[in-house]
Amino acid sequence: SQTVSTDDEDGPTSQPRTHHELIKHGQNTMFSWDMDESIREISNGPHKGGRRSAMMDLCTKMADAGFISQLLDSGFMHKLFLA
């Protein structure tokens, strides 16, 4: 298995990550950024149309079972209820 060292985990106990782990980390990071942006647009959008559009985009994504699984695992559900 191919491994790659990461810069964000420097230290004597850090271990290189496998290709699969790096891909999963990238997917989780992109999901977090996307959800943060969606929540920001829904809760702080300057126009009702923009908030409505952000909510429709999120609802469309929620039709995907993989997205729902990642959403439930991420802890963003709590943030959605606060938005």
C-alpha atoms as a PDB file:
ATOM      1  CA  SER A   1       0.000   0.000   0.000  1.00  0.00           C
ATOM      2  CA  GLN A   2       1.298   3.418  -0.942  1.00  0.00           C
ATOM      3  CA  THR A   3       1.740   5.868   1.949  1.00  0.00           C
ATOM      4  CA  VAL A   4       2.193   9.619   2.031  1.00  0.00           C
ATOM      5  CA  SER A   5       3.332  11.698   4.981  1.00  0.00           C
ATOM      6  CA  THR A   6       1.231  14.729   5.944  1.00  0.00           C
ATOM      7  CA  ASP A   7       2.511  18.093   7.172  1.00  0.00           C
ATOM      8  CA  ASP A   8      -0.403  18.754   9.529  1.00  0.00           C
ATOM      9  CA  GLU A   9       0.530  15.942  11.894  1.00  0.00           C
ATOM     10  CA  ASP A  10       4.180  16.623  12.634  1.00  0.00           C
ATOM     11  CA  GLY A  11       5.696  14.941  15.641  1.00  0.00           C
ATOM     12  CA  PRO A  12       7.543  11.870  16.769  1.00  0.00           C
ATOM     13  CA  THR A  13       4.393   9.717  16.935  1.00  0.00           C
ATOM     14  CA  SER A  14       2.811  10.749  13.619  1.00  0.00           C
ATOM     15  CA  GLN A  15       2.347   7.958  11.085  1.00  0.00           C
ATOM     16  CA  PRO A  16       2.191   8.218   7.295  1.00  0.00           C
ATOM     17  CA  ARG A  17      -1.300   7.914   5.874  1.00  0.00           C
ATOM     18  CA  THR A  18      -2.351   5.508   3.166  1.00  0.00           C
ATOM     19  CA  HIS A  19      -3.750   6.705  -0.124  1.00  0.00           C
ATOM     20  CA  HIS A  20      -7.250   5.632   1.005  1.00  0.00           C
ATOM     21  CA  GLU A  21      -6.953   7.601   4.267  1.00  0.00           C
ATOM     22  CA  LEU A  22      -5.851  10.732   2.405  1.00  0.00           C
ATOM     23  CA  ILE A  23      -8.776  10.483  -0.018  1.00  0.00           C
ATOM     24  CA  LYS A  24     -11.248  10.003   2.854  1.00  0.00           C
ATOM     25  CA  HIS A  25      -9.721  12.963   4.715  1.00  0.00           C
ATOM     26  CA  GLY A  26     -10.074  15.107   1.573  1.00  0.00           C
ATOM     27  CA  GLN A  27     -13.702  14.063   1.124  1.00  0.00           C
ATOM     28  CA  ASN A  28     -14.475  14.867   4.760  1.00  0.00           C
ATOM     29  CA  THR A  29     -12.759  18.260   4.464  1.00  0.00           C
ATOM     30  CA  MET A  30     -14.716  19.162   1.324  1.00  0.00           C
ATOM     31  CA  PHE A  31     -17.959  18.016   2.965  1.00  0.00           C
ATOM     32  CA  SER A  32     -17.225  20.193   6.020  1.00  0.00           C
ATOM     33  CA  TRP A  33     -16.460  23.244   3.890  1.00  0.00           C
ATOM     34  CA  ASP A  34     -19.616  22.685   1.825  1.00  0.00           C
ATOM     35  CA  MET A  35     -21.808  22.268   4.903  1.00  0.00           C
ATOM     36  CA  ASP A  36     -20.284  25.306   6.631  1.00  0.00           C
ATOM     37  CA  GLU A  37     -21.043  27.381   3.537  1.00  0.00           C
ATOM     38  CA  SER A  38     -24.607  26.030   3.267  1.00  0.00           C
ATOM     39  CA  ILE A  39     -25.306  26.745   6.931  1.00  0.00           C
ATOM     40  CA  ARG A  40     -23.822  30.231   6.605  1.00  0.00           C
ATOM     41  CA  GLU A  41     -26.010  30.986   3.565  1.00  0.00           C
ATOM     42  CA  ILE A  42     -29.141  29.620   5.255  1.00  0.00           C
ATOM     43  CA  SER A  43     -28.645  31.426   8.557  1.00  0.00           C
ATOM     44  CA  ASN A  44     -27.007  34.689   7.478  1.00  0.00           C
ATOM     45  CA  GLY A  45     -28.099  35.157   3.892  1.00  0.00           C
ATOM     46  CA  PRO A  46     -28.885  38.799   3.151  1.00  0.00           C
ATOM     47  CA  HIS A  47     -31.835  37.977   0.895  1.00  0.00           C
ATOM     48  CA  LYS A  48     -34.734  35.584   1.404  1.00  0.00           C
ATOM     49  CA  GLY A  49     -34.230  34.285  -2.130  1.00  0.00           C
ATOM     50  CA  GLY A  50     -30.618  33.385  -1.349  1.00  0.00           C
ATOM     51  CA  ARG A  51     -31.587  31.568   1.827  1.00  0.00           C
ATOM     52  CA  ARG A  52     -34.348  29.728  -0.017  1.00  0.00           C
ATOM     53  CA  SER A  53     -31.926  28.755  -2.785  1.00  0.00           C
ATOM     54  CA  ALA A  54     -29.383  27.466  -0.247  1.00  0.00           C
ATOM     55  CA  MET A  55     -32.107  25.409   1.449  1.00  0.00           C
ATOM     56  CA  MET A  56     -33.217  23.952  -1.896  1.00  0.00           C
ATOM     57  CA  ASP A  57     -29.611  23.025  -2.742  1.00  0.00           C
ATOM     58  CA  LEU A  58     -29.241  21.295   0.619  1.00  0.00           C
ATOM     59  CA  CYS A  59     -32.546  19.431   0.159  1.00  0.00           C
ATOM     60  CA  THR A  60     -31.401  18.253  -3.275  1.00  0.00           C
ATOM     61  CA  LYS A  61     -28.167  16.913  -1.771  1.00  0.00           C
ATOM     62  CA  MET A  62     -30.188  15.160   0.947  1.00  0.00           C
ATOM     63  CA  ALA A  63     -31.812  12.965  -1.715  1.00  0.00           C
ATOM     64  CA  ASP A  64     -28.475  11.096  -1.868  1.00  0.00           C
ATOM     65  CA  ALA A  65     -28.191   8.354   0.776  1.00  0.00           C
ATOM     66  CA  GLY A  66     -24.394   8.777   0.873  1.00  0.00           C
ATOM     67  CA  PHE A  67     -24.786  12.461   1.681  1.00  0.00           C
ATOM     68  CA  ILE A  68     -27.269  11.674   4.467  1.00  0.00           C
ATOM     69  CA  SER A  69     -24.916   9.081   5.931  1.00  0.00           C
ATOM     70  CA  GLN A  70     -22.036  11.560   5.924  1.00  0.00           C
ATOM     71  CA  LEU A  71     -24.299  14.269   7.355  1.00  0.00           C
ATOM     72  CA  LEU A  72     -25.387  12.060  10.253  1.00  0.00           C
ATOM     73  CA  ASP A  73     -21.795  10.998  10.968  1.00  0.00           C
ATOM     74  CA  SER A  74     -20.455  14.558  10.846  1.00  0.00           C
ATOM     75  CA  GLY A  75     -22.364  16.315  13.608  1.00  0.00           C
ATOM     76  CA  PHE A  76     -23.674  18.990  11.242  1.00  0.00           C
ATOM     77  CA  MET A  77     -27.300  18.042  11.973  1.00  0.00           C
ATOM     78  CA  HIS A  78     -27.070  19.979  15.236  1.00  0.00           C
ATOM     79  CA  LYS A  79     -25.786  23.050  13.381  1.00  0.00           C
ATOM     80  CA  LEU A  80     -28.640  22.812  10.877  1.00  0.00           C
ATOM     81  CA  PHE A  81     -31.221  23.016  13.640  1.00  0.00           C
ATOM     82  CA  LEU A  82     -29.510  26.129  15.002  1.00  0.00           C
ATOM     83  CA  ALA A  83     -29.382  27.824  11.574  1.00  0.00           C
END
